[in-house]
């Protein structure tokens, strides 16, 4: 569905080319200072307009409709919306009966029987992550003094990807990449095994970000070729700190107090300008498709802040749940 969380609950809404997108945040504690300028840095990080990203650039001024009074959260649901003012729906009119390869056009048509708004991907678009980014701003305040930072490790398999990205843009193609996220100064004890383990919930929300195809924690898939004597993290003090971090700061689904570290694999943008094969729903025949419009050649470039925000939202929920054990 479109909701997630137990105490810090999120509900996303909107379509890429609809009137607006946004989020409802329920369960936010009262008394957290919150102003419009608090959102600016992260919202700017998510925007397009740079090399390899879409030329669609929305103002994305957060409109806070409820839940904030005199500069502080009230404890009631917070509704935040962003207007869609730079959408160009023209190129999508002819795609109504022609599914774009790699997109959710076909699966959404099957699920919603053709009633879904398919322009720009509709509700399945990466545009919806604007609301998630806004929620992350608030979540980061809740988990303080923990600090969360995501960065791009590589694009298209390379750390130095400038010329590779330029080549893909010139050829009308796209690239994927790998993003690493690290959370420092997080308390031990967050996580609810089995089904709500820290890894389970982080994976759940990370896979809700359009285009994410893989996730690994700590040593990740390398653990399968390691011995236990190499993988185990030696404990060096009574605070639980370890001399290595192959577990990625989580043991038995519960945070250990060491940095939580995970990496995500981002697929190449499905919207490319190369000619592709597809089928026409109306005629039932195969045909060639060449997309037009404005698309990211590598939307991985815009995702680090979204990964941060998603992770912060889950950790804020676990942080609030953990208070129940102490109170």
C-alpha atoms as a PDB file:
ATOM      1  CA  UNK A   1       0.000   0.000   0.000  1.00  0.00           C
ATOM      2  CA  UNK A   2       1.018   3.640   0.304  1.00  0.00           C
ATOM      3  CA  UNK A   3       1.623   3.666   4.061  1.00  0.00           C
ATOM      4  CA  UNK A   4       4.494   2.501   6.253  1.00  0.00           C
ATOM      5  CA  UNK A   5       5.501   2.686   9.901  1.00  0.00           C
ATOM      6  CA  UNK A   6       4.037   1.803  13.283  1.00  0.00           C
ATOM      7  CA  UNK A   7       4.493   4.941  15.381  1.00  0.00           C
ATOM      8  CA  UNK A   8       6.139   7.271  12.856  1.00  0.00           C
ATOM      9  CA  UNK A   9       3.748   6.592   9.986  1.00  0.00           C
ATOM     10  CA  UNK A  10       4.060   7.792   6.413  1.00  0.00           C
ATOM     11  CA  UNK A  11       1.420   7.958   3.681  1.00  0.00           C
ATOM     12  CA  UNK A  12       2.490   9.161   0.251  1.00  0.00           C
ATOM     13  CA  UNK A  13       0.153  10.620  -2.377  1.00  0.00           C
ATOM     14  CA  UNK A  14       0.102  12.194  -5.822  1.00  0.00           C
ATOM     15  CA  UNK A  15       1.059  11.513  -9.432  1.00  0.00           C
ATOM     16  CA  UNK A  16       3.994  12.741 -11.495  1.00  0.00           C
ATOM     17  CA  UNK A  17       1.843  14.956 -13.720  1.00  0.00           C
ATOM     18  CA  UNK A  18      -1.053  15.501 -11.326  1.00  0.00           C
ATOM     19  CA  UNK A  19      -1.702  18.678  -9.365  1.00  0.00           C
ATOM     20  CA  UNK A  20       0.740  17.829  -6.587  1.00  0.00           C
ATOM     21  CA  UNK A  21       2.687  15.158  -4.737  1.00  0.00           C
ATOM     22  CA  UNK A  22       3.317  14.915  -1.034  1.00  0.00           C
ATOM     23  CA  UNK A  23       3.187  13.029   2.214  1.00  0.00           C
ATOM     24  CA  UNK A  24       1.207  12.732   5.427  1.00  0.00           C
ATOM     25  CA  UNK A  25       3.303  12.093   8.529  1.00  0.00           C
ATOM     26  CA  UNK A  26       1.450  10.774  11.542  1.00  0.00           C
ATOM     27  CA  UNK A  27       2.963  10.079  14.951  1.00  0.00           C
ATOM     28  CA  UNK A  28       5.564  12.831  14.893  1.00  0.00           C
ATOM     29  CA  UNK A  29       6.252  13.917  18.483  1.00  0.00           C
ATOM     30  CA  UNK A  30       5.255  17.462  19.443  1.00  0.00           C
ATOM     31  CA  UNK A  31       7.774  20.217  20.077  1.00  0.00           C
ATOM     32  CA  UNK A  32      10.216  19.567  17.235  1.00  0.00           C
ATOM     33  CA  UNK A  33      11.340  22.888  15.690  1.00  0.00           C
ATOM     34  CA  UNK A  34      10.410  22.952  12.003  1.00  0.00           C
ATOM     35  CA  UNK A  35      10.565  25.768   9.457  1.00  0.00           C
ATOM     36  CA  UNK A  36      10.306  25.908   5.659  1.00  0.00           C
ATOM     37  CA  UNK A  37      14.036  26.565   5.311  1.00  0.00           C
ATOM     38  CA  UNK A  38      14.778  23.249   7.063  1.00  0.00           C
ATOM     39  CA  UNK A  39      13.655  21.447   3.907  1.00  0.00           C
ATOM     40  CA  UNK A  40      15.668  23.437   1.368  1.00  0.00           C
ATOM     41  CA  UNK A  41      19.004  21.623   1.436  1.00  0.00           C
ATOM     42  CA  UNK A  42      17.626  18.109   0.997  1.00  0.00           C
ATOM     43  CA  UNK A  43      14.983  19.153  -1.528  1.00  0.00           C
ATOM     44  CA  UNK A  44      17.673  20.863  -3.627  1.00  0.00           C
ATOM     45  CA  UNK A  45      19.805  17.711  -3.520  1.00  0.00           C
ATOM     46  CA  UNK A  46      16.929  15.706  -5.002  1.00  0.00           C
ATOM     47  CA  UNK A  47      16.239  18.100  -7.879  1.00  0.00           C
ATOM     48  CA  UNK A  48      17.226  17.552 -11.493  1.00  0.00           C
ATOM     49  CA  UNK A  49      18.836  20.023 -13.839  1.00  0.00           C
ATOM     50  CA  UNK A  50      22.453  18.936 -13.544  1.00  0.00           C
ATOM     51  CA  UNK A  51      24.540  16.916 -15.984  1.00  0.00           C
ATOM     52  CA  UNK A  52      22.952  13.518 -16.621  1.00  0.00           C
ATOM     53  CA  UNK A  53      19.652  14.457 -14.948  1.00  0.00           C
ATOM     54  CA  UNK A  54      16.257  15.550 -16.244  1.00  0.00           C
ATOM     55  CA  UNK A  55      15.706  19.110 -17.417  1.00  0.00           C
ATOM     56  CA  UNK A  56      12.382  19.068 -15.554  1.00  0.00           C
ATOM     57  CA  UNK A  57      13.053  21.280 -12.544  1.00  0.00           C
ATOM     58  CA  UNK A  58      10.171  21.921 -10.171  1.00  0.00           C
ATOM     59  CA  UNK A  59      10.305  24.722  -7.609  1.00  0.00           C
ATOM     60  CA  UNK A  60       9.431  22.187  -4.927  1.00  0.00           C
ATOM     61  CA  UNK A  61       8.531  24.704  -2.271  1.00  0.00           C
ATOM     62  CA  UNK A  62       7.127  22.635   0.618  1.00  0.00           C
ATOM     63  CA  UNK A  63       3.579  23.582   1.556  1.00  0.00           C
ATOM     64  CA  UNK A  64       2.979  22.563   5.181  1.00  0.00           C
ATOM     65  CA  UNK A  65      -0.794  22.347   5.585  1.00  0.00           C
ATOM     66  CA  UNK A  66      -1.050  21.003   9.130  1.00  0.00           C
ATOM     67  CA  UNK A  67       0.786  19.712  12.158  1.00  0.00           C
ATOM     68  CA  UNK A  68       3.065  22.726  12.661  1.00  0.00           C
ATOM     69  CA  UNK A  69       2.228  25.794  14.734  1.00  0.00           C
ATOM     70  CA  UNK A  70       4.465  28.720  15.641  1.00  0.00           C
ATOM     71  CA  UNK A  71       7.506  26.896  14.339  1.00  0.00           C
ATOM     72  CA  UNK A  72       7.035  23.604  16.209  1.00  0.00           C
ATOM     73  CA  UNK A  73       5.362  20.288  15.462  1.00  0.00           C
ATOM     74  CA  UNK A  74       2.059  19.909  17.301  1.00  0.00           C
ATOM     75  CA  UNK A  75       1.819  16.126  17.489  1.00  0.00           C
ATOM     76  CA  UNK A  76      -1.050  16.004  14.980  1.00  0.00           C
ATOM     77  CA  UNK A  77      -0.610  14.682  11.402  1.00  0.00           C
ATOM     78  CA  UNK A  78       1.699  16.761   9.222  1.00  0.00           C
ATOM     79  CA  UNK A  79       0.581  17.219   5.621  1.00  0.00           C
ATOM     80  CA  UNK A  80       3.240  18.445   3.184  1.00  0.00           C
ATOM     81  CA  UNK A  81       2.647  18.933  -0.531  1.00  0.00           C
ATOM     82  CA  UNK A  82       4.648  20.024  -3.571  1.00  0.00           C
ATOM     83  CA  UNK A  83       2.964  21.489  -6.649  1.00  0.00           C
ATOM     84  CA  UNK A  84       3.713  20.067 -10.095  1.00  0.00           C
ATOM     85  CA  UNK A  85       4.317  23.125 -12.273  1.00  0.00           C
ATOM     86  CA  UNK A  86       6.899  21.968 -14.819  1.00  0.00           C
ATOM     87  CA  UNK A  87       5.273  18.781 -16.128  1.00  0.00           C
ATOM     88  CA  UNK A  88       4.953  18.263 -19.896  1.00  0.00           C
ATOM     89  CA  UNK A  89       2.335  15.590 -20.559  1.00  0.00           C
ATOM     90  CA  UNK A  90       2.363  15.914 -24.352  1.00  0.00           C
ATOM     91  CA  UNK A  91       4.859  13.109 -25.100  1.00  0.00           C
ATOM     92  CA  UNK A  92       2.821  10.662 -22.999  1.00  0.00           C
ATOM     93  CA  UNK A  93      -0.456  10.917 -24.883  1.00  0.00           C
ATOM     94  CA  UNK A  94       0.582   8.467 -27.581  1.00  0.00           C
ATOM     95  CA  UNK A  95       2.027   6.050 -25.021  1.00  0.00           C
ATOM     96  CA  UNK A  96      -1.336   5.179 -23.505  1.00  0.00           C
ATOM     97  CA  UNK A  97      -1.491   1.889 -25.424  1.00  0.00           C
ATOM     98  CA  UNK A  98       2.265   1.371 -25.826  1.00  0.00           C
ATOM     99  CA  UNK A  99       4.137   0.152 -22.722  1.00  0.00           C
ATOM    100  CA  UNK A 100       7.658   1.481 -22.335  1.00  0.00           C
ATOM    101  CA  UNK A 101      10.196  -1.339 -21.793  1.00  0.00           C
ATOM    102  CA  UNK A 102      11.518  -1.446 -18.237  1.00  0.00           C
ATOM    103  CA  UNK A 103       8.710   0.735 -16.874  1.00  0.00           C
ATOM    104  CA  UNK A 104       5.638  -0.093 -14.833  1.00  0.00           C
ATOM    105  CA  UNK A 105       3.301   0.738 -17.736  1.00  0.00           C
ATOM    106  CA  UNK A 106       2.314  -2.879 -18.394  1.00  0.00           C
ATOM    107  CA  UNK A 107       2.105  -4.015 -14.763  1.00  0.00           C
ATOM    108  CA  UNK A 108       0.143  -0.918 -13.706  1.00  0.00           C
ATOM    109  CA  UNK A 109      -2.292  -1.429 -16.591  1.00  0.00           C
ATOM    110  CA  UNK A 110      -2.880  -4.999 -15.453  1.00  0.00           C
ATOM    111  CA  UNK A 111      -3.299  -4.038 -11.792  1.00  0.00           C
ATOM    112  CA  UNK A 112      -5.473  -0.927 -12.217  1.00  0.00           C
ATOM    113  CA  UNK A 113      -7.343  -2.071 -15.364  1.00  0.00           C
ATOM    114  CA  UNK A 114      -6.206   1.005 -17.301  1.00  0.00           C
ATOM    115  CA  UNK A 115      -7.675   3.566 -14.889  1.00  0.00           C
ATOM    116  CA  UNK A 116      -4.290   4.689 -13.547  1.00  0.00           C
ATOM    117  CA  UNK A 117      -2.721   8.019 -14.509  1.00  0.00           C
ATOM    118  CA  UNK A 118       0.223   6.840 -16.607  1.00  0.00           C
ATOM    119  CA  UNK A 119       1.675  10.256 -17.462  1.00  0.00           C
ATOM    120  CA  UNK A 120       5.301  10.340 -16.404  1.00  0.00           C
ATOM    121  CA  UNK A 121       4.791   7.069 -14.559  1.00  0.00           C
ATOM    122  CA  UNK A 122       1.903   8.478 -12.522  1.00  0.00           C
ATOM    123  CA  UNK A 123       1.933   7.344  -8.908  1.00  0.00           C
ATOM    124  CA  UNK A 124       4.797   4.937  -9.679  1.00  0.00           C
ATOM    125  CA  UNK A 125       7.143   7.775 -10.669  1.00  0.00           C
ATOM    126  CA  UNK A 126      10.322   8.815  -8.909  1.00  0.00           C
ATOM    127  CA  UNK A 127       8.627  12.202  -8.595  1.00  0.00           C
ATOM    128  CA  UNK A 128       6.817  10.797  -5.561  1.00  0.00           C
ATOM    129  CA  UNK A 129      10.118  10.718  -3.651  1.00  0.00           C
ATOM    130  CA  UNK A 130       9.777  14.482  -3.077  1.00  0.00           C
ATOM    131  CA  UNK A 131       7.382  13.723  -0.231  1.00  0.00           C
ATOM    132  CA  UNK A 132       9.638  11.008   1.145  1.00  0.00           C
ATOM    133  CA  UNK A 133      12.525  13.491   1.169  1.00  0.00           C
ATOM    134  CA  UNK A 134      10.406  15.942   3.159  1.00  0.00           C
ATOM    135  CA  UNK A 135       9.588  13.231   5.703  1.00  0.00           C
ATOM    136  CA  UNK A 136      13.294  12.502   5.984  1.00  0.00           C
ATOM    137  CA  UNK A 137      13.978  16.060   7.091  1.00  0.00           C
ATOM    138  CA  UNK A 138      11.716  15.534  10.106  1.00  0.00           C
ATOM    139  CA  UNK A 139      12.939  11.994  10.760  1.00  0.00           C
ATOM    140  CA  UNK A 140      16.549  13.191  10.891  1.00  0.00           C
ATOM    141  CA  UNK A 141      15.563  15.563  13.688  1.00  0.00           C
ATOM    142  CA  UNK A 142      13.987  12.711  15.664  1.00  0.00           C
ATOM    143  CA  UNK A 143      17.078  10.459  15.489  1.00  0.00           C
ATOM    144  CA  UNK A 144      19.541  13.175  16.542  1.00  0.00           C
ATOM    145  CA  UNK A 145      22.395  13.042  17.520  1.00  0.00           C
ATOM    146  CA  UNK A 146      22.646  10.218  14.983  1.00  0.00           C
ATOM    147  CA  UNK A 147      23.959  11.438  11.642  1.00  0.00           C
ATOM    148  CA  UNK A 148      23.065   9.858   8.321  1.00  0.00           C
ATOM    149  CA  UNK A 149      24.879  10.317   5.024  1.00  0.00           C
ATOM    150  CA  UNK A 150      24.579   8.590   1.657  1.00  0.00           C
ATOM    151  CA  UNK A 151      27.030   8.945  -1.212  1.00  0.00           C
ATOM    152  CA  UNK A 152      27.570   7.573  -4.683  1.00  0.00           C
ATOM    153  CA  UNK A 153      30.271   4.907  -4.815  1.00  0.00           C
ATOM    154  CA  UNK A 154      30.180   4.336  -8.551  1.00  0.00           C
ATOM    155  CA  UNK A 155      28.177   4.908 -11.718  1.00  0.00           C
ATOM    156  CA  UNK A 156      28.168   2.303 -14.460  1.00  0.00           C
ATOM    157  CA  UNK A 157      30.767   0.284 -12.561  1.00  0.00           C
ATOM    158  CA  UNK A 158      33.270   3.150 -12.349  1.00  0.00           C
ATOM    159  CA  UNK A 159      34.228   5.546  -9.560  1.00  0.00           C
ATOM    160  CA  UNK A 160      35.395   8.137 -12.077  1.00  0.00           C
ATOM    161  CA  UNK A 161      32.292   8.225 -14.224  1.00  0.00           C
ATOM    162  CA  UNK A 162      32.254  11.680 -15.829  1.00  0.00           C
ATOM    163  CA  UNK A 163      33.221  10.648 -19.364  1.00  0.00           C
ATOM    164  CA  UNK A 164      31.145   7.453 -19.139  1.00  0.00           C
ATOM    165  CA  UNK A 165      28.052   9.467 -18.209  1.00  0.00           C
ATOM    166  CA  UNK A 166      28.653  11.932 -21.019  1.00  0.00           C
ATOM    167  CA  UNK A 167      28.961   9.056 -23.501  1.00  0.00           C
ATOM    168  CA  UNK A 168      25.677   7.522 -22.319  1.00  0.00           C
ATOM    169  CA  UNK A 169      23.904  10.894 -22.652  1.00  0.00           C
ATOM    170  CA  UNK A 170      25.242  11.396 -26.188  1.00  0.00           C
ATOM    171  CA  UNK A 171      24.120   7.898 -27.194  1.00  0.00           C
ATOM    172  CA  UNK A 172      20.630   8.337 -25.723  1.00  0.00           C
ATOM    173  CA  UNK A 173      21.279   5.607 -23.176  1.00  0.00           C
ATOM    174  CA  UNK A 174      21.336   5.452 -19.383  1.00  0.00           C
ATOM    175  CA  UNK A 175      23.420   4.207 -16.459  1.00  0.00           C
ATOM    176  CA  UNK A 176      22.866   2.782 -12.994  1.00  0.00           C
ATOM    177  CA  UNK A 177      25.061   2.932  -9.924  1.00  0.00           C
ATOM    178  CA  UNK A 178      25.765   2.029  -6.325  1.00  0.00           C
ATOM    179  CA  UNK A 179      24.996   4.220  -3.303  1.00  0.00           C
ATOM    180  CA  UNK A 180      26.385   3.666   0.185  1.00  0.00           C
ATOM    181  CA  UNK A 181      24.578   4.926   3.276  1.00  0.00           C
ATOM    182  CA  UNK A 182      26.108   5.224   6.735  1.00  0.00           C
ATOM    183  CA  UNK A 183      24.403   6.109  10.024  1.00  0.00           C
ATOM    184  CA  UNK A 184      26.724   7.109  12.857  1.00  0.00           C
ATOM    185  CA  UNK A 185      26.041   7.599  16.587  1.00  0.00           C
ATOM    186  CA  UNK A 186      22.902   5.480  16.461  1.00  0.00           C
ATOM    187  CA  UNK A 187      22.009   3.857  19.795  1.00  0.00           C
ATOM    188  CA  UNK A 188      22.134   0.120  20.310  1.00  0.00           C
ATOM    189  CA  UNK A 189      18.840  -1.723  20.697  1.00  0.00           C
ATOM    190  CA  UNK A 190      16.797  -0.552  17.703  1.00  0.00           C
ATOM    191  CA  UNK A 191      14.950  -3.294  15.839  1.00  0.00           C
ATOM    192  CA  UNK A 192      12.114  -5.741  16.454  1.00  0.00           C
ATOM    193  CA  UNK A 193      12.978  -9.301  15.384  1.00  0.00           C
ATOM    194  CA  UNK A 194      11.907 -11.183  13.466  1.00  0.00           C
ATOM    195  CA  UNK A 195       9.659  -9.483  10.930  1.00  0.00           C
ATOM    196  CA  UNK A 196      10.474  -5.933  12.003  1.00  0.00           C
ATOM    197  CA  UNK A 197      14.209  -6.360  12.299  1.00  0.00           C
ATOM    198  CA  UNK A 198      16.265  -3.286  11.449  1.00  0.00           C
ATOM    199  CA  UNK A 199      17.449  -4.896   8.206  1.00  0.00           C
ATOM    200  CA  UNK A 200      13.934  -6.000   7.270  1.00  0.00           C
ATOM    201  CA  UNK A 201      12.410  -2.542   7.682  1.00  0.00           C
ATOM    202  CA  UNK A 202      15.308  -0.702   6.071  1.00  0.00           C
ATOM    203  CA  UNK A 203      15.155  -3.067   3.097  1.00  0.00           C
ATOM    204  CA  UNK A 204      11.385  -2.647   2.903  1.00  0.00           C
ATOM    205  CA  UNK A 205      11.482   1.128   2.594  1.00  0.00           C
ATOM    206  CA  UNK A 206      14.606   1.212   0.418  1.00  0.00           C
ATOM    207  CA  UNK A 207      12.952  -1.085  -2.124  1.00  0.00           C
ATOM    208  CA  UNK A 208       9.982   1.302  -2.140  1.00  0.00           C
ATOM    209  CA  UNK A 209      12.249   3.832  -3.876  1.00  0.00           C
ATOM    210  CA  UNK A 210      11.703   3.422  -7.636  1.00  0.00           C
ATOM    211  CA  UNK A 211      14.697   1.850  -9.367  1.00  0.00           C
ATOM    212  CA  UNK A 212      16.352   0.108  -6.399  1.00  0.00           C
ATOM    213  CA  UNK A 213      17.252  -3.481  -7.292  1.00  0.00           C
ATOM    214  CA  UNK A 214      19.526  -4.659  -4.494  1.00  0.00           C
ATOM    215  CA  UNK A 215      20.705  -3.989  -0.954  1.00  0.00           C
ATOM    216  CA  UNK A 216      23.488  -5.354   1.242  1.00  0.00           C
ATOM    217  CA  UNK A 217      24.580  -4.600   4.814  1.00  0.00           C
ATOM    218  CA  UNK A 218      28.168  -4.444   6.041  1.00  0.00           C
ATOM    219  CA  UNK A 219      30.273  -6.981   4.156  1.00  0.00           C
ATOM    220  CA  UNK A 220      27.130  -7.905   2.247  1.00  0.00           C
ATOM    221  CA  UNK A 221      27.369 -10.697  -0.282  1.00  0.00           C
ATOM    222  CA  UNK A 222      31.087 -11.083   0.401  1.00  0.00           C
ATOM    223  CA  UNK A 223      30.146 -12.796   3.669  1.00  0.00           C
ATOM    224  CA  UNK A 224      29.249 -15.906   1.681  1.00  0.00           C
ATOM    225  CA  UNK A 225      32.924 -16.517   0.872  1.00  0.00           C
ATOM    226  CA  UNK A 226      34.309 -15.503   4.277  1.00  0.00           C
ATOM    227  CA  UNK A 227      35.061 -17.705   7.270  1.00  0.00           C
ATOM    228  CA  UNK A 228      33.381 -17.034  10.589  1.00  0.00           C
ATOM    229  CA  UNK A 229      36.737 -16.080  12.077  1.00  0.00           C
ATOM    230  CA  UNK A 230      37.058 -13.353   9.446  1.00  0.00           C
ATOM    231  CA  UNK A 231      33.441 -12.169   9.401  1.00  0.00           C
ATOM    232  CA  UNK A 232      32.814 -11.949  13.165  1.00  0.00           C
ATOM    233  CA  UNK A 233      33.388  -8.441  14.546  1.00  0.00           C
ATOM    234  CA  UNK A 234      35.603  -8.527  17.704  1.00  0.00           C
ATOM    235  CA  UNK A 235      34.047  -6.525  20.559  1.00  0.00           C
ATOM    236  CA  UNK A 236      36.537  -4.052  22.026  1.00  0.00           C
ATOM    237  CA  UNK A 237      34.633  -2.287  24.834  1.00  0.00           C
ATOM    238  CA  UNK A 238      31.556  -2.496  27.050  1.00  0.00           C
ATOM    239  CA  UNK A 239      29.714  -0.064  24.762  1.00  0.00           C
ATOM    240  CA  UNK A 240      29.679  -2.791  22.110  1.00  0.00           C
ATOM    241  CA  UNK A 241      32.131  -1.141  19.725  1.00  0.00           C
ATOM    242  CA  UNK A 242      33.899  -3.548  17.410  1.00  0.00           C
ATOM    243  CA  UNK A 243      37.219  -3.443  15.592  1.00  0.00           C
ATOM    244  CA  UNK A 244      35.531  -4.341  12.281  1.00  0.00           C
ATOM    245  CA  UNK A 245      32.006  -3.859  10.997  1.00  0.00           C
ATOM    246  CA  UNK A 246      31.207  -6.763   8.708  1.00  0.00           C
ATOM    247  CA  UNK A 247      27.707  -6.973  10.207  1.00  0.00           C
ATOM    248  CA  UNK A 248      26.992  -3.384   9.199  1.00  0.00           C
ATOM    249  CA  UNK A 249      26.058  -2.267  12.705  1.00  0.00           C
ATOM    250  CA  UNK A 250      23.208  -4.774  13.080  1.00  0.00           C
ATOM    251  CA  UNK A 251      23.210  -8.146  14.847  1.00  0.00           C
ATOM    252  CA  UNK A 252      20.145 -10.386  15.223  1.00  0.00           C
ATOM    253  CA  UNK A 253      18.129  -7.628  13.579  1.00  0.00           C
ATOM    254  CA  UNK A 254      19.023  -5.115  16.318  1.00  0.00           C
ATOM    255  CA  UNK A 255      21.393  -2.159  16.040  1.00  0.00           C
ATOM    256  CA  UNK A 256      24.664  -2.687  17.907  1.00  0.00           C
ATOM    257  CA  UNK A 257      25.733   0.930  18.347  1.00  0.00           C
ATOM    258  CA  UNK A 258      28.314   0.622  15.596  1.00  0.00           C
ATOM    259  CA  UNK A 259      27.721   2.558  12.368  1.00  0.00           C
ATOM    260  CA  UNK A 260      24.881   1.106  10.319  1.00  0.00           C
ATOM    261  CA  UNK A 261      26.253   0.674   6.808  1.00  0.00           C
ATOM    262  CA  UNK A 262      24.420  -0.533   3.720  1.00  0.00           C
ATOM    263  CA  UNK A 263      24.754  -0.233  -0.048  1.00  0.00           C
ATOM    264  CA  UNK A 264      22.046  -0.200  -2.695  1.00  0.00           C
ATOM    265  CA  UNK A 265      22.113  -1.029  -6.386  1.00  0.00           C
ATOM    266  CA  UNK A 266      20.272   1.436  -8.616  1.00  0.00           C
ATOM    267  CA  UNK A 267      19.157   0.266 -12.041  1.00  0.00           C
ATOM    268  CA  UNK A 268      19.789   2.264 -15.237  1.00  0.00           C
ATOM    269  CA  UNK A 269      17.001   4.729 -15.980  1.00  0.00           C
ATOM    270  CA  UNK A 270      14.395   2.842 -18.081  1.00  0.00           C
ATOM    271  CA  UNK A 271      13.565   5.951 -20.134  1.00  0.00           C
ATOM    272  CA  UNK A 272      16.134   5.981 -22.923  1.00  0.00           C
ATOM    273  CA  UNK A 273      16.144   7.552 -26.377  1.00  0.00           C
ATOM    274  CA  UNK A 274      17.347   4.458 -28.224  1.00  0.00           C
ATOM    275  CA  UNK A 275      14.804   2.622 -30.390  1.00  0.00           C
ATOM    276  CA  UNK A 276      13.253  -0.298 -28.472  1.00  0.00           C
ATOM    277  CA  UNK A 277      10.818  -3.104 -29.224  1.00  0.00           C
ATOM    278  CA  UNK A 278       7.418  -3.190 -27.549  1.00  0.00           C
ATOM    279  CA  UNK A 279       3.808  -4.109 -28.278  1.00  0.00           C
ATOM    280  CA  UNK A 280       0.716  -2.031 -28.977  1.00  0.00           C
ATOM    281  CA  UNK A 281      -2.127  -2.953 -26.605  1.00  0.00           C
ATOM    282  CA  UNK A 282      -4.730  -1.729 -29.082  1.00  0.00           C
ATOM    283  CA  UNK A 283      -3.490  -3.604 -32.166  1.00  0.00           C
ATOM    284  CA  UNK A 284      -1.730  -6.482 -30.430  1.00  0.00           C
ATOM    285  CA  UNK A 285       1.224  -6.050 -32.780  1.00  0.00           C
ATOM    286  CA  UNK A 286       4.867  -5.406 -31.991  1.00  0.00           C
ATOM    287  CA  UNK A 287       6.326  -2.067 -32.994  1.00  0.00           C
ATOM    288  CA  UNK A 288       9.322   0.161 -32.548  1.00  0.00           C
ATOM    289  CA  UNK A 289       9.325   2.819 -29.859  1.00  0.00           C
ATOM    290  CA  UNK A 290      11.552   5.858 -29.523  1.00  0.00           C
ATOM    291  CA  UNK A 291      10.844   7.987 -26.496  1.00  0.00           C
ATOM    292  CA  UNK A 292      10.766  11.746 -26.376  1.00  0.00           C
ATOM    293  CA  UNK A 293      10.497  14.055 -23.386  1.00  0.00           C
ATOM    294  CA  UNK A 294      12.775  14.883 -20.457  1.00  0.00           C
ATOM    295  CA  UNK A 295      14.470  12.051 -18.610  1.00  0.00           C
ATOM    296  CA  UNK A 296      17.423  11.378 -16.339  1.00  0.00           C
ATOM    297  CA  UNK A 297      20.296   9.572 -18.007  1.00  0.00           C
ATOM    298  CA  UNK A 298      21.241   8.445 -14.498  1.00  0.00           C
ATOM    299  CA  UNK A 299      18.697   9.017 -11.741  1.00  0.00           C
ATOM    300  CA  UNK A 300      21.156   7.429  -9.297  1.00  0.00           C
ATOM    301  CA  UNK A 301      22.732  10.901  -9.185  1.00  0.00           C
ATOM    302  CA  UNK A 302      19.637  12.261  -7.410  1.00  0.00           C
ATOM    303  CA  UNK A 303      19.009   9.355  -5.048  1.00  0.00           C
ATOM    304  CA  UNK A 304      21.520   9.663  -2.178  1.00  0.00           C
ATOM    305  CA  UNK A 305      19.275  12.102  -0.295  1.00  0.00           C
ATOM    306  CA  UNK A 306      16.234   9.892  -0.936  1.00  0.00           C
ATOM    307  CA  UNK A 307      18.076   6.867   0.481  1.00  0.00           C
ATOM    308  CA  UNK A 308      19.011   8.958   3.530  1.00  0.00           C
ATOM    309  CA  UNK A 309      15.422  10.090   3.991  1.00  0.00           C
ATOM    310  CA  UNK A 310      13.958   6.607   3.671  1.00  0.00           C
ATOM    311  CA  UNK A 311      16.432   5.150   6.144  1.00  0.00           C
ATOM    312  CA  UNK A 312      15.872   8.033   8.570  1.00  0.00           C
ATOM    313  CA  UNK A 313      12.106   7.433   8.489  1.00  0.00           C
ATOM    314  CA  UNK A 314      12.501   3.782   9.488  1.00  0.00           C
ATOM    315  CA  UNK A 315      15.062   4.591  12.158  1.00  0.00           C
ATOM    316  CA  UNK A 316      12.802   7.315  13.584  1.00  0.00           C
ATOM    317  CA  UNK A 317      10.005   4.747  13.870  1.00  0.00           C
ATOM    318  CA  UNK A 318      12.315   2.258  15.603  1.00  0.00           C
ATOM    319  CA  UNK A 319      13.655   5.035  17.829  1.00  0.00           C
ATOM    320  CA  UNK A 320      10.132   5.886  19.025  1.00  0.00           C
ATOM    321  CA  UNK A 321       9.261   2.213  19.511  1.00  0.00           C
ATOM    322  CA  UNK A 322      12.416   1.752  21.578  1.00  0.00           C
ATOM    323  CA  UNK A 323      11.242   4.460  23.960  1.00  0.00           C
ATOM    324  CA  UNK A 324       8.495   2.074  25.027  1.00  0.00           C
ATOM    325  CA  UNK A 325      11.137  -0.248  26.477  1.00  0.00           C
ATOM    326  CA  UNK A 326      12.657   2.552  28.547  1.00  0.00           C
ATOM    327  CA  UNK A 327       9.496   4.291  29.794  1.00  0.00           C
END
